[in-house]
Amino acid sequence: MLAEESILERLEHIWWVLHHSEEKNRMAVSATCYIDESGTDSSSAVAVVGGVMLNQQQFFWLDVEWRKCLCRHHIPWPLHMREFGPRGKLKDLRSEERRALFTDAVKVINETKGFSVVSTLNSDQYRTVFKGISSMSMYAACFANLAMLNGLSAQMSDYQRNIAYVLDEGNDYKHEILEAYPLLRNADLRVGSLTFESDNGLSALQVADVVSWATRRKQASELRSGFEPLTDLFDDKHSEVPYEPEWMLEVAEKLRAKMQTE
């Protein structure tokens, strides 16, 4: 395992690359939302997009403590929740081993996060609003809803800086996020930079995977068989974004107008 000093040096470099400056008066953002998805393929009844909001210090220490946590429980880097499935590398982990891992992991997440946030969209809501718009997937619609409510929350709390978004590059909907992004930027929603990174390198994106996976599993069934500690993610620093059909209809109308001009 890398020494803490070398880990922090690497993370400082990553943060600079993401935000272009280490000078406080020049940084584009002071908080970043790290996002992943769960259940956003076309056959899913419910899609979840979620993750964690972190400032620079929280980003650093989450990575340090996350690596320690995985090492303590002998979990190979990186952690992907799909690996607990019947064909995954962690499928043979016993319930008590999962319970110990996630008790520790949730403690790390809750102690280092600014807050966690998720957006949920069911297939009926999605089809009603975006019927006939192939460029807006459930993933993109979920992300747009999350960014909208993040922006409105920032305005209500008098948060003056933009919120940067870092998403896992390993998804099939990157082009749709890129298409929706200008609409979000133009809507005065505190939307800052948009970056795609690999969750193989960023602990924050692995944590986003845990948050979105736990939310979807909680909605589909109970968290059990060693996953029970994940319910503690949903604490007083966690927000589940309600679906806003009025704003989504406005997005859909703009996309339809764009399609007609192309």
C-alpha atoms as a PDB file:
ATOM      1  CA  MET A   1       0.000   0.000   0.000  1.00  0.00           C
ATOM      2  CA  LEU A   2       1.258   3.514  -0.816  1.00  0.00           C
ATOM      3  CA  ALA A   3       2.386   5.746   2.022  1.00  0.00           C
ATOM      4  CA  GLU A   4      -0.055   8.519   2.961  1.00  0.00           C
ATOM      5  CA  GLU A   5       2.371  11.221   1.765  1.00  0.00           C
ATOM      6  CA  SER A   6       2.701   9.749  -1.730  1.00  0.00           C
ATOM      7  CA  ILE A   7      -1.080   9.181  -1.915  1.00  0.00           C
ATOM      8  CA  LEU A   8      -1.726  12.836  -1.066  1.00  0.00           C
ATOM      9  CA  GLU A   9       0.803  13.981  -3.669  1.00  0.00           C
ATOM     10  CA  ARG A  10      -0.979  11.899  -6.312  1.00  0.00           C
ATOM     11  CA  LEU A  11      -4.383  13.223  -5.223  1.00  0.00           C
ATOM     12  CA  GLU A  12      -3.175  16.814  -5.307  1.00  0.00           C
ATOM     13  CA  HIS A  13      -2.136  16.228  -8.923  1.00  0.00           C
ATOM     14  CA  ILE A  14      -5.523  14.667  -9.774  1.00  0.00           C
ATOM     15  CA  TRP A  15      -7.395  17.572  -8.161  1.00  0.00           C
ATOM     16  CA  TRP A  16      -5.316  20.109 -10.083  1.00  0.00           C
ATOM     17  CA  VAL A  17      -5.952  18.277 -13.361  1.00  0.00           C
ATOM     18  CA  LEU A  18      -9.701  18.232 -12.675  1.00  0.00           C
ATOM     19  CA  HIS A  19      -9.970  21.873 -11.616  1.00  0.00           C
ATOM     20  CA  HIS A  20      -7.070  23.552 -13.411  1.00  0.00           C
ATOM     21  CA  SER A  21      -5.728  25.552 -10.480  1.00  0.00           C
ATOM     22  CA  GLU A  22      -4.683  25.136  -6.877  1.00  0.00           C
ATOM     23  CA  GLU A  23      -5.068  28.848  -6.115  1.00  0.00           C
ATOM     24  CA  LYS A  24      -8.206  29.442  -4.081  1.00  0.00           C
ATOM     25  CA  ASN A  25      -9.117  32.672  -5.864  1.00  0.00           C
ATOM     26  CA  ARG A  26      -8.776  31.022  -9.290  1.00  0.00           C
ATOM     27  CA  MET A  27     -10.345  27.629  -8.732  1.00  0.00           C
ATOM     28  CA  ALA A  28     -13.512  27.120 -10.750  1.00  0.00           C
ATOM     29  CA  VAL A  29     -15.183  25.266  -7.895  1.00  0.00           C
ATOM     30  CA  SER A  30     -14.746  24.500  -4.218  1.00  0.00           C
ATOM     31  CA  ALA A  31     -16.993  21.400  -4.250  1.00  0.00           C
ATOM     32  CA  THR A  32     -17.336  18.525  -6.657  1.00  0.00           C
ATOM     33  CA  CYS A  33     -20.120  15.983  -7.054  1.00  0.00           C
ATOM     34  CA  TYR A  34     -18.847  12.508  -7.950  1.00  0.00           C
ATOM     35  CA  ILE A  35     -21.573  10.519  -9.713  1.00  0.00           C
ATOM     36  CA  ASP A  36     -22.234   6.940 -10.759  1.00  0.00           C
ATOM     37  CA  GLU A  37     -25.339   5.101 -11.889  1.00  0.00           C
ATOM     38  CA  SER A  38     -27.285   1.945 -11.143  1.00  0.00           C
ATOM     39  CA  GLY A  39     -29.954   0.287 -13.248  1.00  0.00           C
ATOM     40  CA  THR A  40     -29.939   2.747 -16.133  1.00  0.00           C
ATOM     41  CA  ASP A  41     -30.193   0.294 -19.024  1.00  0.00           C
ATOM     42  CA  SER A  42     -33.335   0.407 -21.168  1.00  0.00           C
ATOM     43  CA  SER A  43     -34.875  -2.669 -19.539  1.00  0.00           C
ATOM     44  CA  SER A  44     -34.700  -1.332 -15.973  1.00  0.00           C
ATOM     45  CA  ALA A  45     -37.884  -0.244 -14.225  1.00  0.00           C
ATOM     46  CA  VAL A  46     -36.001   2.190 -11.970  1.00  0.00           C
ATOM     47  CA  ALA A  47     -32.823   4.161 -12.606  1.00  0.00           C
ATOM     48  CA  VAL A  48     -30.650   5.676  -9.904  1.00  0.00           C
ATOM     49  CA  VAL A  49     -27.891   8.255 -10.310  1.00  0.00           C
ATOM     50  CA  GLY A  50     -26.079   9.168  -7.136  1.00  0.00           C
ATOM     51  CA  GLY A  51     -22.864   9.990  -5.409  1.00  0.00           C
ATOM     52  CA  VAL A  52     -21.111  12.272  -2.977  1.00  0.00           C
ATOM     53  CA  MET A  53     -20.270  15.956  -2.747  1.00  0.00           C
ATOM     54  CA  LEU A  54     -16.697  16.589  -1.629  1.00  0.00           C
ATOM     55  CA  ASN A  55     -14.434  19.564  -1.191  1.00  0.00           C
ATOM     56  CA  GLN A  56     -10.693  19.260  -1.741  1.00  0.00           C
ATOM     57  CA  GLN A  57      -9.818  18.116   1.785  1.00  0.00           C
ATOM     58  CA  GLN A  58     -12.675  15.593   1.875  1.00  0.00           C
ATOM     59  CA  PHE A  59     -11.577  14.243  -1.519  1.00  0.00           C
ATOM     60  CA  PHE A  60      -8.056  13.640  -0.203  1.00  0.00           C
ATOM     61  CA  TRP A  61      -8.978  11.956   3.056  1.00  0.00           C
ATOM     62  CA  LEU A  62     -11.738   9.835   1.578  1.00  0.00           C
ATOM     63  CA  ASP A  63      -9.159   8.298  -0.738  1.00  0.00           C
ATOM     64  CA  VAL A  64      -6.681   7.652   2.086  1.00  0.00           C
ATOM     65  CA  GLU A  65      -9.268   6.051   4.374  1.00  0.00           C
ATOM     66  CA  TRP A  66     -10.975   4.135   1.555  1.00  0.00           C
ATOM     67  CA  ARG A  67      -7.728   2.436   0.592  1.00  0.00           C
ATOM     68  CA  LYS A  68      -7.056   1.547   4.220  1.00  0.00           C
ATOM     69  CA  CYS A  69     -10.570   0.111   4.539  1.00  0.00           C
ATOM     70  CA  LEU A  70     -10.238  -2.155   1.506  1.00  0.00           C
ATOM     71  CA  CYS A  71      -6.804  -3.272   2.668  1.00  0.00           C
ATOM     72  CA  ARG A  72      -8.080  -4.155   6.159  1.00  0.00           C
ATOM     73  CA  HIS A  73     -10.769  -6.381   4.657  1.00  0.00           C
ATOM     74  CA  HIS A  74      -8.509  -7.896   1.991  1.00  0.00           C
ATOM     75  CA  ILE A  75     -10.635  -6.478  -0.859  1.00  0.00           C
ATOM     76  CA  PRO A  76      -8.667  -6.024  -4.096  1.00  0.00           C
ATOM     77  CA  TRP A  77      -8.569  -2.532  -5.542  1.00  0.00           C
ATOM     78  CA  PRO A  78     -10.835  -1.173  -6.990  1.00  0.00           C
ATOM     79  CA  LEU A  79     -14.179  -1.965  -5.344  1.00  0.00           C
ATOM     80  CA  HIS A  80     -17.078  -2.465  -7.769  1.00  0.00           C
ATOM     81  CA  MET A  81     -20.460  -3.440  -6.356  1.00  0.00           C
ATOM     82  CA  ARG A  82     -21.186  -5.682  -9.337  1.00  0.00           C
ATOM     83  CA  GLU A  83     -18.438  -7.988  -8.085  1.00  0.00           C
ATOM     84  CA  PHE A  84     -20.745  -9.140  -5.283  1.00  0.00           C
ATOM     85  CA  GLY A  85     -23.101 -10.628  -7.883  1.00  0.00           C
ATOM     86  CA  PRO A  86     -23.292 -14.345  -8.743  1.00  0.00           C
ATOM     87  CA  ARG A  87     -20.541 -14.032 -11.381  1.00  0.00           C
ATOM     88  CA  GLY A  88     -18.395 -11.468  -9.599  1.00  0.00           C
ATOM     89  CA  LYS A  89     -14.966 -11.792  -8.035  1.00  0.00           C
ATOM     90  CA  LEU A  90     -16.437 -11.255  -4.545  1.00  0.00           C
ATOM     91  CA  LYS A  91     -19.374 -13.636  -4.897  1.00  0.00           C
ATOM     92  CA  ASP A  92     -17.933 -16.071  -2.354  1.00  0.00           C
ATOM     93  CA  LEU A  93     -17.553 -13.499   0.413  1.00  0.00           C
ATOM     94  CA  ARG A  94     -19.544 -14.673   3.428  1.00  0.00           C
ATOM     95  CA  SER A  95     -22.360 -12.548   4.881  1.00  0.00           C
ATOM     96  CA  GLU A  96     -20.382 -11.752   8.016  1.00  0.00           C
ATOM     97  CA  GLU A  97     -17.412 -10.655   5.895  1.00  0.00           C
ATOM     98  CA  ARG A  98     -19.628  -8.356   3.825  1.00  0.00           C
ATOM     99  CA  ARG A  99     -21.201  -7.004   7.015  1.00  0.00           C
ATOM    100  CA  ALA A 100     -17.805  -6.177   8.508  1.00  0.00           C
ATOM    101  CA  LEU A 101     -16.615  -4.577   5.248  1.00  0.00           C
ATOM    102  CA  PHE A 102     -19.650  -2.339   4.821  1.00  0.00           C
ATOM    103  CA  THR A 103     -19.800  -1.361   8.483  1.00  0.00           C
ATOM    104  CA  ASP A 104     -16.265  -0.031   8.044  1.00  0.00           C
ATOM    105  CA  ALA A 105     -16.888   1.418   4.557  1.00  0.00           C
ATOM    106  CA  VAL A 106     -20.026   3.316   5.591  1.00  0.00           C
ATOM    107  CA  LYS A 107     -18.162   4.813   8.549  1.00  0.00           C
ATOM    108  CA  VAL A 108     -15.452   6.068   6.169  1.00  0.00           C
ATOM    109  CA  ILE A 109     -18.016   7.513   3.740  1.00  0.00           C
ATOM    110  CA  ASN A 110     -20.153   9.255   6.357  1.00  0.00           C
ATOM    111  CA  GLU A 111     -17.173  10.734   8.182  1.00  0.00           C
ATOM    112  CA  THR A 112     -15.566  12.196   5.055  1.00  0.00           C
ATOM    113  CA  LYS A 113     -18.450  13.182   2.742  1.00  0.00           C
ATOM    114  CA  GLY A 114     -19.872  16.673   2.506  1.00  0.00           C
ATOM    115  CA  PHE A 115     -23.154  15.005   1.728  1.00  0.00           C
ATOM    116  CA  SER A 116     -24.513  12.268  -0.509  1.00  0.00           C
ATOM    117  CA  VAL A 117     -27.253  12.752  -3.065  1.00  0.00           C
ATOM    118  CA  VAL A 118     -29.254  10.505  -5.397  1.00  0.00           C
ATOM    119  CA  SER A 119     -31.844  11.001  -8.120  1.00  0.00           C
ATOM    120  CA  THR A 120     -34.346   8.259  -8.927  1.00  0.00           C
ATOM    121  CA  LEU A 121     -36.438   7.930 -12.072  1.00  0.00           C
ATOM    122  CA  ASN A 122     -38.880   5.178 -12.965  1.00  0.00           C
ATOM    123  CA  SER A 123     -39.498   4.048 -16.519  1.00  0.00           C
ATOM    124  CA  ASP A 124     -43.068   5.412 -16.654  1.00  0.00           C
ATOM    125  CA  GLN A 125     -41.899   8.902 -15.643  1.00  0.00           C
ATOM    126  CA  TYR A 126     -39.115   8.733 -18.191  1.00  0.00           C
ATOM    127  CA  ARG A 127     -41.287   7.562 -21.106  1.00  0.00           C
ATOM    128  CA  THR A 128     -44.017  10.119 -20.364  1.00  0.00           C
ATOM    129  CA  VAL A 129     -41.628  13.046 -20.644  1.00  0.00           C
ATOM    130  CA  PHE A 130     -38.968  11.887 -23.115  1.00  0.00           C
ATOM    131  CA  LYS A 131     -40.941   9.695 -25.494  1.00  0.00           C
ATOM    132  CA  GLY A 132     -39.394   9.891 -28.962  1.00  0.00           C
ATOM    133  CA  ILE A 133     -36.185  11.606 -27.811  1.00  0.00           C
ATOM    134  CA  SER A 134     -33.528   8.979 -28.333  1.00  0.00           C
ATOM    135  CA  SER A 135     -30.716  11.305 -27.254  1.00  0.00           C
ATOM    136  CA  MET A 136     -31.994  11.504 -23.668  1.00  0.00           C
ATOM    137  CA  SER A 137     -31.496   8.175 -21.896  1.00  0.00           C
ATOM    138  CA  MET A 138     -32.781   7.417 -18.395  1.00  0.00           C
ATOM    139  CA  TYR A 139     -29.201   7.994 -17.195  1.00  0.00           C
ATOM    140  CA  ALA A 140     -29.045  11.466 -18.736  1.00  0.00           C
ATOM    141  CA  ALA A 141     -32.521  12.374 -17.450  1.00  0.00           C
ATOM    142  CA  CYS A 142     -31.594  11.208 -13.935  1.00  0.00           C
ATOM    143  CA  PHE A 143     -28.378  13.207 -14.056  1.00  0.00           C
ATOM    144  CA  ALA A 144     -30.207  16.323 -15.278  1.00  0.00           C
ATOM    145  CA  ASN A 145     -32.702  16.028 -12.427  1.00  0.00           C
ATOM    146  CA  LEU A 146     -29.906  15.659  -9.874  1.00  0.00           C
ATOM    147  CA  ALA A 147     -27.967  18.630 -11.245  1.00  0.00           C
ATOM    148  CA  MET A 148     -31.104  20.770 -11.267  1.00  0.00           C
ATOM    149  CA  LEU A 149     -31.916  20.092  -7.619  1.00  0.00           C
ATOM    150  CA  ASN A 150     -28.270  20.512  -6.609  1.00  0.00           C
ATOM    151  CA  GLY A 151     -28.331  23.920  -8.263  1.00  0.00           C
ATOM    152  CA  LEU A 152     -31.581  24.972  -6.640  1.00  0.00           C
ATOM    153  CA  SER A 153     -30.292  23.829  -3.241  1.00  0.00           C
ATOM    154  CA  ALA A 154     -27.119  25.849  -3.799  1.00  0.00           C
ATOM    155  CA  GLN A 155     -29.181  28.942  -4.604  1.00  0.00           C
ATOM    156  CA  MET A 156     -31.395  28.492  -1.549  1.00  0.00           C
ATOM    157  CA  SER A 157     -28.363  28.114   0.732  1.00  0.00           C
ATOM    158  CA  ASP A 158     -26.648  31.120  -0.901  1.00  0.00           C
ATOM    159  CA  TYR A 159     -23.789  28.959  -2.198  1.00  0.00           C
ATOM    160  CA  GLN A 160     -22.074  31.210  -4.730  1.00  0.00           C
ATOM    161  CA  ARG A 161     -19.639  28.870  -6.499  1.00  0.00           C
ATOM    162  CA  ASN A 162     -20.259  26.407  -9.295  1.00  0.00           C
ATOM    163  CA  ILE A 163     -20.510  22.695  -8.583  1.00  0.00           C
ATOM    164  CA  ALA A 164     -18.222  20.525 -10.700  1.00  0.00           C
ATOM    165  CA  TYR A 165     -19.351  17.065 -11.783  1.00  0.00           C
ATOM    166  CA  VAL A 166     -17.102  14.041 -12.231  1.00  0.00           C
ATOM    167  CA  LEU A 167     -18.749  10.950 -13.719  1.00  0.00           C
ATOM    168  CA  ASP A 168     -17.525   7.437 -14.313  1.00  0.00           C
ATOM    169  CA  GLU A 169     -16.311   7.192 -17.893  1.00  0.00           C
ATOM    170  CA  GLY A 170     -17.226   3.512 -18.050  1.00  0.00           C
ATOM    171  CA  ASN A 171     -20.872   3.992 -19.042  1.00  0.00           C
ATOM    172  CA  ASP A 172     -22.700   3.857 -22.354  1.00  0.00           C
ATOM    173  CA  TYR A 173     -24.398   7.256 -22.036  1.00  0.00           C
ATOM    174  CA  LYS A 174     -21.501   9.688 -22.016  1.00  0.00           C
ATOM    175  CA  HIS A 175     -22.571  11.309 -25.295  1.00  0.00           C
ATOM    176  CA  GLU A 176     -26.063  11.977 -23.893  1.00  0.00           C
ATOM    177  CA  ILE A 177     -24.654  13.646 -20.792  1.00  0.00           C
ATOM    178  CA  LEU A 178     -22.491  15.824 -23.030  1.00  0.00           C
ATOM    179  CA  GLU A 179     -25.575  16.803 -25.038  1.00  0.00           C
ATOM    180  CA  ALA A 180     -27.607  17.689 -21.940  1.00  0.00           C
ATOM    181  CA  TYR A 181     -24.728  19.576 -20.310  1.00  0.00           C
ATOM    182  CA  PRO A 182     -25.099  22.888 -22.228  1.00  0.00           C
ATOM    183  CA  LEU A 183     -28.790  23.042 -21.247  1.00  0.00           C
ATOM    184  CA  LEU A 184     -27.829  22.688 -17.602  1.00  0.00           C
ATOM    185  CA  ARG A 185     -25.057  25.284 -17.928  1.00  0.00           C
ATOM    186  CA  ASN A 186     -27.486  27.793 -19.436  1.00  0.00           C
ATOM    187  CA  ALA A 187     -30.116  27.291 -16.733  1.00  0.00           C
ATOM    188  CA  ASP A 188     -28.237  29.166 -13.971  1.00  0.00           C
ATOM    189  CA  LEU A 189     -27.998  26.055 -11.811  1.00  0.00           C
ATOM    190  CA  ARG A 190     -24.437  26.476 -10.503  1.00  0.00           C
ATOM    191  CA  VAL A 191     -23.254  23.773 -12.933  1.00  0.00           C
ATOM    192  CA  GLY A 192     -19.489  23.932 -13.274  1.00  0.00           C
ATOM    193  CA  SER A 193     -17.058  21.718 -15.143  1.00  0.00           C
ATOM    194  CA  LEU A 194     -17.966  18.239 -16.386  1.00  0.00           C
ATOM    195  CA  THR A 195     -15.278  15.542 -16.347  1.00  0.00           C
ATOM    196  CA  PHE A 196     -15.287  11.805 -17.030  1.00  0.00           C
ATOM    197  CA  GLU A 197     -12.776   9.698 -15.103  1.00  0.00           C
ATOM    198  CA  SER A 198     -12.219   6.005 -14.436  1.00  0.00           C
ATOM    199  CA  ASP A 199     -13.469   4.626 -11.147  1.00  0.00           C
ATOM    200  CA  ASN A 200     -10.405   2.366 -11.223  1.00  0.00           C
ATOM    201  CA  GLY A 201      -8.392   5.363 -10.089  1.00  0.00           C
ATOM    202  CA  LEU A 202     -10.792   7.476  -8.029  1.00  0.00           C
ATOM    203  CA  SER A 203     -12.068   6.326  -4.649  1.00  0.00           C
ATOM    204  CA  ALA A 204     -14.800   8.970  -4.851  1.00  0.00           C
ATOM    205  CA  LEU A 205     -16.336   7.253  -7.890  1.00  0.00           C
ATOM    206  CA  GLN A 206     -16.186   3.864  -6.160  1.00  0.00           C
ATOM    207  CA  VAL A 207     -18.060   5.449  -3.259  1.00  0.00           C
ATOM    208  CA  ALA A 208     -20.600   6.869  -5.722  1.00  0.00           C
ATOM    209  CA  ASP A 209     -21.102   3.319  -6.995  1.00  0.00           C
ATOM    210  CA  VAL A 210     -21.804   2.151  -3.429  1.00  0.00           C
ATOM    211  CA  VAL A 211     -24.307   4.975  -2.823  1.00  0.00           C
ATOM    212  CA  SER A 212     -26.255   4.456  -6.061  1.00  0.00           C
ATOM    213  CA  TRP A 213     -26.193   0.651  -5.741  1.00  0.00           C
ATOM    214  CA  ALA A 214     -27.435   0.772  -2.128  1.00  0.00           C
ATOM    215  CA  THR A 215     -30.231   3.172  -3.069  1.00  0.00           C
ATOM    216  CA  ARG A 216     -31.463   0.967  -5.899  1.00  0.00           C
ATOM    217  CA  ARG A 217     -31.211  -2.208  -3.824  1.00  0.00           C
ATOM    218  CA  LYS A 218     -33.086  -0.534  -0.956  1.00  0.00           C
ATOM    219  CA  GLN A 219     -35.921   0.406  -3.309  1.00  0.00           C
ATOM    220  CA  ALA A 220     -36.075  -3.001  -4.991  1.00  0.00           C
ATOM    221  CA  SER A 221     -35.795  -5.093  -1.821  1.00  0.00           C
ATOM    222  CA  GLU A 222     -34.293  -5.110   1.640  1.00  0.00           C
ATOM    223  CA  LEU A 223     -30.593  -4.651   2.245  1.00  0.00           C
ATOM    224  CA  ARG A 224     -29.689  -7.985   3.816  1.00  0.00           C
ATOM    225  CA  SER A 225     -27.172 -10.849   3.730  1.00  0.00           C
ATOM    226  CA  GLY A 226     -24.344  -8.660   4.927  1.00  0.00           C
ATOM    227  CA  PHE A 227     -25.419  -5.463   3.146  1.00  0.00           C
ATOM    228  CA  GLU A 228     -27.474  -4.181   6.116  1.00  0.00           C
ATOM    229  CA  PRO A 229     -24.870  -1.544   7.165  1.00  0.00           C
ATOM    230  CA  LEU A 230     -25.460   0.299   3.869  1.00  0.00           C
ATOM    231  CA  THR A 231     -28.745   1.642   5.291  1.00  0.00           C
ATOM    232  CA  ASP A 232     -26.637   3.935   7.487  1.00  0.00           C
ATOM    233  CA  LEU A 233     -25.555   5.824   4.357  1.00  0.00           C
ATOM    234  CA  PHE A 234     -28.955   7.468   4.397  1.00  0.00           C
ATOM    235  CA  ASP A 235     -28.206   9.792   7.300  1.00  0.00           C
ATOM    236  CA  ASP A 236     -28.846  13.496   7.889  1.00  0.00           C
ATOM    237  CA  LYS A 237     -26.197  14.325   5.265  1.00  0.00           C
ATOM    238  CA  HIS A 238     -28.009  12.349   2.564  1.00  0.00           C
ATOM    239  CA  SER A 239     -30.604  13.700   0.145  1.00  0.00           C
ATOM    240  CA  GLU A 240     -32.822  11.825  -2.300  1.00  0.00           C
ATOM    241  CA  VAL A 241     -33.835  14.184  -5.063  1.00  0.00           C
ATOM    242  CA  PRO A 242     -37.563  14.193  -5.899  1.00  0.00           C
ATOM    243  CA  TYR A 243     -38.535  13.911  -9.547  1.00  0.00           C
ATOM    244  CA  GLU A 244     -39.564  17.283 -10.988  1.00  0.00           C
ATOM    245  CA  PRO A 245     -41.782  16.691 -14.059  1.00  0.00           C
ATOM    246  CA  GLU A 246     -42.262  20.393 -14.843  1.00  0.00           C
ATOM    247  CA  TRP A 247     -38.563  21.030 -15.250  1.00  0.00           C
ATOM    248  CA  MET A 248     -38.034  17.767 -17.137  1.00  0.00           C
ATOM    249  CA  LEU A 249     -40.802  18.755 -19.559  1.00  0.00           C
ATOM    250  CA  GLU A 250     -38.934  22.017 -20.226  1.00  0.00           C
ATOM    251  CA  VAL A 251     -35.752  20.061 -20.983  1.00  0.00           C
ATOM    252  CA  ALA A 252     -37.695  17.735 -23.296  1.00  0.00           C
ATOM    253  CA  GLU A 253     -39.215  20.679 -25.186  1.00  0.00           C
ATOM    254  CA  LYS A 254     -35.772  22.191 -25.790  1.00  0.00           C
ATOM    255  CA  LEU A 255     -34.444  18.863 -27.060  1.00  0.00           C
ATOM    256  CA  ARG A 256     -37.414  18.435 -29.424  1.00  0.00           C
ATOM    257  CA  ALA A 257     -36.901  21.968 -30.759  1.00  0.00           C
ATOM    258  CA  LYS A 258     -33.239  21.185 -31.359  1.00  0.00           C
ATOM    259  CA  MET A 259     -34.152  17.975 -33.215  1.00  0.00           C
ATOM    260  CA  GLN A 260     -36.466  19.903 -35.535  1.00  0.00           C
ATOM    261  CA  THR A 261     -33.704  22.343 -36.528  1.00  0.00           C
ATOM    262  CA  GLU A 262     -31.143  19.627 -37.314  1.00  0.00           C
END
